[in-house]
Amino acid sequence: MMYPFLTSDDDTEITHSEFLPTGNVKIYIEKPDETDGFHHMTLFLPDYHIEEVYGFQKAEVKKYRDIISKIKGLENSEFRISN
């Protein structure tokens, strides 16, 4: 199951899984695009392994990886943010 984590001003959404049996957490990033429908990528914590990049340029992949890495304590939290 994926849980909402963050929605940015440009409607990019970041969601996350619970801890997987491997100890990793799956982070899914999705951004609407008029031409392609959605651009998306999957990142796994704690090693920041990136898979399934579709539509994002290298600079965008780096930007989202950096955003995730700047969120303090992300790997050790329950990832739930109250609204």
PDB file of N, CA and C in Angstrom:
ATOM      1  N   MET A   1       0.843  -1.172   0.000  1.00  0.00           N
ATOM      2  CA  MET A   1       0.000   0.000   0.000  1.00  0.00           C
ATOM      3  C   MET A   1       0.893   1.242   0.000  1.00  0.00           C
ATOM      4  N   MET A   2       0.490   2.245  -0.757  1.00  0.00           N
ATOM      5  CA  MET A   2       1.234   3.501  -0.831  1.00  0.00           C
ATOM      6  C   MET A   2       0.463   4.580  -0.073  1.00  0.00           C
ATOM      7  N   TYR A   3       1.223   5.451   0.601  1.00  0.00           N
ATOM      8  CA  TYR A   3       0.635   6.521   1.404  1.00  0.00           C
ATOM      9  C   TYR A   3       1.060   7.871   0.851  1.00  0.00           C
ATOM     10  N   PRO A   4       0.160   8.854   0.819  1.00  0.00           N
ATOM     11  CA  PRO A   4       0.543  10.195   0.370  1.00  0.00           C
ATOM     12  C   PRO A   4       1.549  10.810   1.326  1.00  0.00           C
ATOM     13  N   PHE A   5       2.511  11.508   0.778  1.00  0.00           N
ATOM     14  CA  PHE A   5       3.528  12.159   1.604  1.00  0.00           C
ATOM     15  C   PHE A   5       3.599  13.656   1.335  1.00  0.00           C
ATOM     16  N   LEU A   6       3.668  14.033   0.048  1.00  0.00           N
ATOM     17  CA  LEU A   6       3.875  15.437  -0.290  1.00  0.00           C
ATOM     18  C   LEU A   6       3.279  15.724  -1.656  1.00  0.00           C
ATOM     19  N   THR A   7       2.622  16.865  -1.782  1.00  0.00           N
ATOM     20  CA  THR A   7       2.166  17.363  -3.080  1.00  0.00           C
ATOM     21  C   THR A   7       2.746  18.757  -3.252  1.00  0.00           C
ATOM     22  N   SER A   8       3.464  18.980  -4.345  1.00  0.00           N
ATOM     23  CA  SER A   8       4.106  20.280  -4.565  1.00  0.00           C
ATOM     24  C   SER A   8       3.185  21.210  -5.352  1.00  0.00           C
ATOM     25  N   ASP A   9       3.604  22.459  -5.487  1.00  0.00           N
ATOM     26  CA  ASP A   9       2.809  23.461  -6.199  1.00  0.00           C
ATOM     27  C   ASP A   9       2.553  23.096  -7.661  1.00  0.00           C
ATOM     28  N   ASP A  10       3.451  22.318  -8.271  1.00  0.00           N
ATOM     29  CA  ASP A  10       3.257  21.931  -9.676  1.00  0.00           C
ATOM     30  C   ASP A  10       2.516  20.598  -9.810  1.00  0.00           C
ATOM     31  N   ASP A  11       1.867  20.175  -8.725  1.00  0.00           N
ATOM     32  CA  ASP A  11       1.070  18.936  -8.658  1.00  0.00           C
ATOM     33  C   ASP A  11       1.893  17.655  -8.688  1.00  0.00           C
ATOM     34  N   THR A  12       3.208  17.763  -8.492  1.00  0.00           N
ATOM     35  CA  THR A  12       4.013  16.555  -8.321  1.00  0.00           C
ATOM     36  C   THR A  12       3.610  15.926  -7.002  1.00  0.00           C
ATOM     37  N   GLU A  13       3.388  14.620  -7.028  1.00  0.00           N
ATOM     38  CA  GLU A  13       3.015  13.906  -5.809  1.00  0.00           C
ATOM     39  C   GLU A  13       4.084  12.902  -5.446  1.00  0.00           C
ATOM     40  N   ILE A  14       4.398  12.856  -4.162  1.00  0.00           N
ATOM     41  CA  ILE A  14       5.347  11.880  -3.635  1.00  0.00           C
ATOM     42  C   ILE A  14       4.584  11.004  -2.656  1.00  0.00           C
ATOM     43  N   THR A  15       4.644   9.702  -2.896  1.00  0.00           N
ATOM     44  CA  THR A  15       4.011   8.733  -2.007  1.00  0.00           C
ATOM     45  C   THR A  15       5.071   7.751  -1.524  1.00  0.00           C
ATOM     46  N   HIS A  16       4.742   6.984  -0.501  1.00  0.00           N
ATOM     47  CA  HIS A  16       5.700   6.024   0.053  1.00  0.00           C
ATOM     48  C   HIS A  16       4.974   4.774   0.515  1.00  0.00           C
ATOM     49  N   SER A  17       5.731   3.704   0.596  1.00  0.00           N
ATOM     50  CA  SER A  17       5.206   2.443   1.113  1.00  0.00           C
ATOM     51  C   SER A  17       5.527   2.342   2.602  1.00  0.00           C
ATOM     52  N   GLU A  18       5.026   1.284   3.220  1.00  0.00           N
ATOM     53  CA  GLU A  18       5.485   0.902   4.542  1.00  0.00           C
ATOM     54  C   GLU A  18       6.857   0.266   4.342  1.00  0.00           C
ATOM     55  N   PHE A  19       7.505  -0.123   5.433  1.00  0.00           N
ATOM     56  CA  PHE A  19       8.758  -0.849   5.278  1.00  0.00           C
ATOM     57  C   PHE A  19       8.483  -2.160   4.562  1.00  0.00           C
ATOM     58  N   LEU A  20       9.281  -2.425   3.539  1.00  0.00           N
ATOM     59  CA  LEU A  20       9.158  -3.673   2.780  1.00  0.00           C
ATOM     60  C   LEU A  20       9.888  -4.776   3.539  1.00  0.00           C
ATOM     61  N   PRO A  21       9.648  -6.043   3.211  1.00  0.00           N
ATOM     62  CA  PRO A  21      10.348  -7.142   3.885  1.00  0.00           C
ATOM     63  C   PRO A  21      11.876  -7.008   3.809  1.00  0.00           C
ATOM     64  N   THR A  22      12.370  -6.329   2.796  1.00  0.00           N
ATOM     65  CA  THR A  22      13.815  -6.118   2.648  1.00  0.00           C
ATOM     66  C   THR A  22      14.353  -5.047   3.587  1.00  0.00           C
ATOM     67  N   GLY A  23      13.444  -4.307   4.251  1.00  0.00           N
ATOM     68  CA  GLY A  23      13.853  -3.192   5.101  1.00  0.00           C
ATOM     69  C   GLY A  23      13.863  -1.869   4.362  1.00  0.00           C
ATOM     70  N   ASN A  24      13.617  -1.909   3.070  1.00  0.00           N
ATOM     71  CA  ASN A  24      13.570  -0.692   2.258  1.00  0.00           C
ATOM     72  C   ASN A  24      12.184  -0.057   2.308  1.00  0.00           C
ATOM     73  N   VAL A  25      12.122   1.182   1.863  1.00  0.00           N
ATOM     74  CA  VAL A  25      10.858   1.887   1.682  1.00  0.00           C
ATOM     75  C   VAL A  25      10.820   2.368   0.238  1.00  0.00           C
ATOM     76  N   LYS A  26       9.720   2.107  -0.437  1.00  0.00           N
ATOM     77  CA  LYS A  26       9.538   2.524  -1.828  1.00  0.00           C
ATOM     78  C   LYS A  26       8.955   3.934  -1.844  1.00  0.00           C
ATOM     79  N   ILE A  27       9.594   4.828  -2.602  1.00  0.00           N
ATOM     80  CA  ILE A  27       9.120   6.184  -2.802  1.00  0.00           C
ATOM     81  C   ILE A  27       8.723   6.300  -4.270  1.00  0.00           C
ATOM     82  N   TYR A  28       7.511   6.780  -4.522  1.00  0.00           N
ATOM     83  CA  TYR A  28       7.023   6.926  -5.898  1.00  0.00           C
ATOM     84  C   TYR A  28       6.752   8.403  -6.139  1.00  0.00           C
ATOM     85  N   ILE A  29       7.295   8.929  -7.215  1.00  0.00           N
ATOM     86  CA  ILE A  29       7.144  10.345  -7.569  1.00  0.00           C
ATOM     87  C   ILE A  29       6.440  10.416  -8.910  1.00  0.00           C
ATOM     88  N   GLU A  30       5.377  11.216  -8.964  1.00  0.00           N
ATOM     89  CA  GLU A  30       4.557  11.311 -10.170  1.00  0.00           C
ATOM     90  C   GLU A  30       4.210  12.777 -10.425  1.00  0.00           C
ATOM     91  N   LYS A  31       4.370  13.196 -11.692  1.00  0.00           N
ATOM     92  CA  LYS A  31       4.094  14.585 -12.070  1.00  0.00           C
ATOM     93  C   LYS A  31       3.234  14.590 -13.330  1.00  0.00           C
ATOM     94  N   PRO A  32       2.108  15.311 -13.321  1.00  0.00           N
ATOM     95  CA  PRO A  32       1.277  15.378 -14.520  1.00  0.00           C
ATOM     96  C   PRO A  32       2.015  16.028 -15.684  1.00  0.00           C
ATOM     97  N   ASP A  33       1.740  15.551 -16.882  1.00  0.00           N
ATOM     98  CA  ASP A  33       2.351  16.108 -18.088  1.00  0.00           C
ATOM     99  C   ASP A  33       1.295  16.120 -19.193  1.00  0.00           C
ATOM    100  N   GLU A  34       1.126  17.256 -19.841  1.00  0.00           N
ATOM    101  CA  GLU A  34       0.090  17.388 -20.868  1.00  0.00           C
ATOM    102  C   GLU A  34       0.299  16.441 -22.044  1.00  0.00           C
ATOM    103  N   THR A  35       1.536  16.168 -22.400  1.00  0.00           N
ATOM    104  CA  THR A  35       1.830  15.315 -23.553  1.00  0.00           C
ATOM    105  C   THR A  35       1.792  13.834 -23.200  1.00  0.00           C
ATOM    106  N   ASP A  36       2.489  13.457 -22.114  1.00  0.00           N
ATOM    107  CA  ASP A  36       2.657  12.045 -21.766  1.00  0.00           C
ATOM    108  C   ASP A  36       1.645  11.516 -20.755  1.00  0.00           C
ATOM    109  N   GLY A  37       0.852  12.383 -20.173  1.00  0.00           N
ATOM    110  CA  GLY A  37      -0.043  11.960 -19.092  1.00  0.00           C
ATOM    111  C   GLY A  37       0.622  12.174 -17.749  1.00  0.00           C
ATOM    112  N   PHE A  38       1.631  11.348 -17.448  1.00  0.00           N
ATOM    113  CA  PHE A  38       2.389  11.489 -16.204  1.00  0.00           C
ATOM    114  C   PHE A  38       3.843  11.129 -16.448  1.00  0.00           C
ATOM    115  N   HIS A  39       4.721  11.837 -15.773  1.00  0.00           N
ATOM    116  CA  HIS A  39       6.110  11.432 -15.640  1.00  0.00           C
ATOM    117  C   HIS A  39       6.195  10.782 -14.261  1.00  0.00           C
ATOM    118  N   HIS A  40       7.011   9.748 -14.137  1.00  0.00           N
ATOM    119  CA  HIS A  40       7.109   9.076 -12.837  1.00  0.00           C
ATOM    120  C   HIS A  40       8.464   8.435 -12.650  1.00  0.00           C
ATOM    121  N   MET A  41       8.774   8.162 -11.393  1.00  0.00           N
ATOM    122  CA  MET A  41       9.989   7.438 -11.039  1.00  0.00           C
ATOM    123  C   MET A  41       9.797   6.763  -9.689  1.00  0.00           C
ATOM    124  N   THR A  42      10.586   5.742  -9.443  1.00  0.00           N
ATOM    125  CA  THR A  42      10.552   5.019  -8.183  1.00  0.00           C
ATOM    126  C   THR A  42      11.946   5.078  -7.570  1.00  0.00           C
ATOM    127  N   LEU A  43      11.986   5.346  -6.276  1.00  0.00           N
ATOM    128  CA  LEU A  43      13.239   5.438  -5.535  1.00  0.00           C
ATOM    129  C   LEU A  43      13.081   4.572  -4.291  1.00  0.00           C
ATOM    130  N   PHE A  44      14.123   3.852  -3.912  1.00  0.00           N
ATOM    131  CA  PHE A  44      14.069   3.011  -2.720  1.00  0.00           C
ATOM    132  C   PHE A  44      15.039   3.541  -1.674  1.00  0.00           C
ATOM    133  N   LEU A  45      14.535   3.715  -0.460  1.00  0.00           N
ATOM    134  CA  LEU A  45      15.376   4.093   0.682  1.00  0.00           C
ATOM    135  C   LEU A  45      15.719   2.829   1.444  1.00  0.00           C
ATOM    136  N   PRO A  46      16.834   2.753   2.126  1.00  0.00           N
ATOM    137  CA  PRO A  46      17.715   3.863   2.459  1.00  0.00           C
ATOM    138  C   PRO A  46      18.859   4.099   1.469  1.00  0.00           C
ATOM    139  N   ASP A  47      18.971   3.280   0.423  1.00  0.00           N
ATOM    140  CA  ASP A  47      20.136   3.417  -0.460  1.00  0.00           C
ATOM    141  C   ASP A  47      19.921   4.345  -1.656  1.00  0.00           C
ATOM    142  N   TYR A  48      18.729   4.931  -1.793  1.00  0.00           N
ATOM    143  CA  TYR A  48      18.411   5.864  -2.883  1.00  0.00           C
ATOM    144  C   TYR A  48      18.540   5.218  -4.260  1.00  0.00           C
ATOM    145  N   HIS A  49      18.274   3.923  -4.337  1.00  0.00           N
ATOM    146  CA  HIS A  49      18.286   3.208  -5.615  1.00  0.00           C
ATOM    147  C   HIS A  49      17.093   3.694  -6.444  1.00  0.00           C
ATOM    148  N   ILE A  50      17.340   4.120  -7.679  1.00  0.00           N
ATOM    149  CA  ILE A  50      16.294   4.676  -8.538  1.00  0.00           C
ATOM    150  C   ILE A  50      15.965   3.685  -9.648  1.00  0.00           C
ATOM    151  N   GLU A  51      14.666   3.476  -9.865  1.00  0.00           N
ATOM    152  CA  GLU A  51      14.175   2.588 -10.926  1.00  0.00           C
ATOM    153  C   GLU A  51      13.035   3.269 -11.662  1.00  0.00           C
ATOM    154  N   GLU A  52      12.675   2.712 -12.781  1.00  0.00           N
ATOM    155  CA  GLU A  52      11.459   3.078 -13.520  1.00  0.00           C
ATOM    156  C   GLU A  52      11.309   4.580 -13.760  1.00  0.00           C
ATOM    157  N   VAL A  53      12.319   5.205 -14.284  1.00  0.00           N
ATOM    158  CA  VAL A  53      12.214   6.628 -14.608  1.00  0.00           C
ATOM    159  C   VAL A  53      11.546   6.769 -15.968  1.00  0.00           C
ATOM    160  N   TYR A  54      10.439   7.520 -16.011  1.00  0.00           N
ATOM    161  CA  TYR A  54       9.734   7.758 -17.261  1.00  0.00           C
ATOM    162  C   TYR A  54       9.433   9.250 -17.381  1.00  0.00           C
ATOM    163  N   GLY A  55       9.991   9.889 -18.381  1.00  0.00           N
ATOM    164  CA  GLY A  55       9.662  11.271 -18.696  1.00  0.00           C
ATOM    165  C   GLY A  55      10.493  12.326 -17.992  1.00  0.00           C
ATOM    166  N   PHE A  56      11.111  11.994 -16.877  1.00  0.00           N
ATOM    167  CA  PHE A  56      11.929  12.973 -16.168  1.00  0.00           C
ATOM    168  C   PHE A  56      13.312  13.073 -16.814  1.00  0.00           C
ATOM    169  N   GLN A  57      13.820  14.292 -16.907  1.00  0.00           N
ATOM    170  CA  GLN A  57      15.188  14.522 -17.358  1.00  0.00           C
ATOM    171  C   GLN A  57      16.141  14.238 -16.189  1.00  0.00           C
ATOM    172  N   LYS A  58      17.424  14.057 -16.479  1.00  0.00           N
ATOM    173  CA  LYS A  58      18.406  13.758 -15.427  1.00  0.00           C
ATOM    174  C   LYS A  58      18.400  14.809 -14.323  1.00  0.00           C
ATOM    175  N   ALA A  59      18.258  16.085 -14.694  1.00  0.00           N
ATOM    176  CA  ALA A  59      18.246  17.160 -13.701  1.00  0.00           C
ATOM    177  C   ALA A  59      17.032  17.037 -12.774  1.00  0.00           C
ATOM    178  N   GLU A  60      15.887  16.609 -13.315  1.00  0.00           N
ATOM    179  CA  GLU A  60      14.696  16.433 -12.489  1.00  0.00           C
ATOM    180  C   GLU A  60      14.858  15.248 -11.536  1.00  0.00           C
ATOM    181  N   VAL A  61      15.445  14.162 -12.026  1.00  0.00           N
ATOM    182  CA  VAL A  61      15.694  13.002 -11.179  1.00  0.00           C
ATOM    183  C   VAL A  61      16.581  13.419 -10.008  1.00  0.00           C
ATOM    184  N   LYS A  62      17.635  14.165 -10.294  1.00  0.00           N
ATOM    185  CA  LYS A  62      18.528  14.651  -9.239  1.00  0.00           C
ATOM    186  C   LYS A  62      17.776  15.556  -8.274  1.00  0.00           C
ATOM    187  N   LYS A  63      16.927  16.438  -8.786  1.00  0.00           N
ATOM    188  CA  LYS A  63      16.159  17.357  -7.935  1.00  0.00           C
ATOM    189  C   LYS A  63      15.284  16.578  -6.951  1.00  0.00           C
ATOM    190  N   TYR A  64      14.559  15.582  -7.430  1.00  0.00           N
ATOM    191  CA  TYR A  64      13.678  14.826  -6.542  1.00  0.00           C
ATOM    192  C   TYR A  64      14.468  13.954  -5.572  1.00  0.00           C
ATOM    193  N   ARG A  65      15.591  13.400  -6.020  1.00  0.00           N
ATOM    194  CA  ARG A  65      16.450  12.639  -5.110  1.00  0.00           C
ATOM    195  C   ARG A  65      16.955  13.556  -4.007  1.00  0.00           C
ATOM    196  N   ASP A  66      17.354  14.767  -4.370  1.00  0.00           N
ATOM    197  CA  ASP A  66      17.836  15.733  -3.379  1.00  0.00           C
ATOM    198  C   ASP A  66      16.734  16.140  -2.407  1.00  0.00           C
ATOM    199  N   ILE A  67      15.514  16.324  -2.915  1.00  0.00           N
ATOM    200  CA  ILE A  67      14.392  16.666  -2.032  1.00  0.00           C
ATOM    201  C   ILE A  67      14.196  15.571  -0.989  1.00  0.00           C
ATOM    202  N   ILE A  68      14.182  14.332  -1.446  1.00  0.00           N
ATOM    203  CA  ILE A  68      13.991  13.212  -0.521  1.00  0.00           C
ATOM    204  C   ILE A  68      15.134  13.159   0.487  1.00  0.00           C
ATOM    205  N   SER A  69      16.366  13.352   0.029  1.00  0.00           N
ATOM    206  CA  SER A  69      17.511  13.242   0.936  1.00  0.00           C
ATOM    207  C   SER A  69      17.556  14.367   1.964  1.00  0.00           C
ATOM    208  N   LYS A  70      16.923  15.498   1.665  1.00  0.00           N
ATOM    209  CA  LYS A  70      16.937  16.631   2.597  1.00  0.00           C
ATOM    210  C   LYS A  70      15.889  16.523   3.697  1.00  0.00           C
ATOM    211  N   ILE A  71      14.962  15.607   3.546  1.00  0.00           N
ATOM    212  CA  ILE A  71      13.927  15.448   4.570  1.00  0.00           C
ATOM    213  C   ILE A  71      14.539  14.637   5.708  1.00  0.00           C
ATOM    214  N   LYS A  72      14.818  15.308   6.791  1.00  0.00           N
ATOM    215  CA  LYS A  72      15.538  14.691   7.912  1.00  0.00           C
ATOM    216  C   LYS A  72      14.744  13.541   8.530  1.00  0.00           C
ATOM    217  N   GLY A  73      15.447  12.446   8.832  1.00  0.00           N
ATOM    218  CA  GLY A  73      14.845  11.324   9.529  1.00  0.00           C
ATOM    219  C   GLY A  73      13.898  10.489   8.699  1.00  0.00           C
ATOM    220  N   LEU A  74      13.884  10.688   7.389  1.00  0.00           N
ATOM    221  CA  LEU A  74      12.906  10.011   6.544  1.00  0.00           C
ATOM    222  C   LEU A  74      13.004   8.496   6.642  1.00  0.00           C
ATOM    223  N   GLU A  75      14.235   7.944   6.633  1.00  0.00           N
ATOM    224  CA  GLU A  75      14.383   6.490   6.628  1.00  0.00           C
ATOM    225  C   GLU A  75      13.872   5.845   7.904  1.00  0.00           C
ATOM    226  N   ASN A  76      13.871   6.582   9.019  1.00  0.00           N
ATOM    227  CA  ASN A  76      13.521   5.991  10.299  1.00  0.00           C
ATOM    228  C   ASN A  76      12.141   6.381  10.793  1.00  0.00           C
ATOM    229  N   SER A  77      11.367   7.038   9.989  1.00  0.00           N
ATOM    230  CA  SER A  77      10.048   7.493  10.432  1.00  0.00           C
ATOM    231  C   SER A  77       8.963   6.567   9.920  1.00  0.00           C
ATOM    232  N   GLU A  78       7.771   6.805  10.378  1.00  0.00           N
ATOM    233  CA  GLU A  78       6.609   6.071   9.880  1.00  0.00           C
ATOM    234  C   GLU A  78       6.069   6.703   8.619  1.00  0.00           C
ATOM    235  N   PHE A  79       6.625   7.839   8.200  1.00  0.00           N
ATOM    236  CA  PHE A  79       6.269   8.537   6.971  1.00  0.00           C
ATOM    237  C   PHE A  79       4.889   9.145   6.983  1.00  0.00           C
ATOM    238  N   ARG A  80       4.229   9.216   8.084  1.00  0.00           N
ATOM    239  CA  ARG A  80       2.880   9.767   8.107  1.00  0.00           C
ATOM    240  C   ARG A  80       2.942  11.215   8.564  1.00  0.00           C
ATOM    241  N   ILE A  81       2.363  12.093   7.779  1.00  0.00           N
ATOM    242  CA  ILE A  81       2.306  13.501   8.120  1.00  0.00           C
ATOM    243  C   ILE A  81       0.844  13.875   8.271  1.00  0.00           C
ATOM    244  N   SER A  82       0.504  14.417   9.402  1.00  0.00           N
ATOM    245  CA  SER A  82      -0.881  14.838   9.633  1.00  0.00           C
ATOM    246  C   SER A  82      -1.168  16.110   8.877  1.00  0.00           C
ATOM    247  N   ASN A  83      -2.359  16.209   8.315  1.00  0.00           N
ATOM    248  CA  ASN A  83      -2.774  17.437   7.632  1.00  0.00           C
ATOM    249  C   ASN A  83      -3.540  18.326   8.573  1.00  0.00           C
TER     250      ASN A  83
END
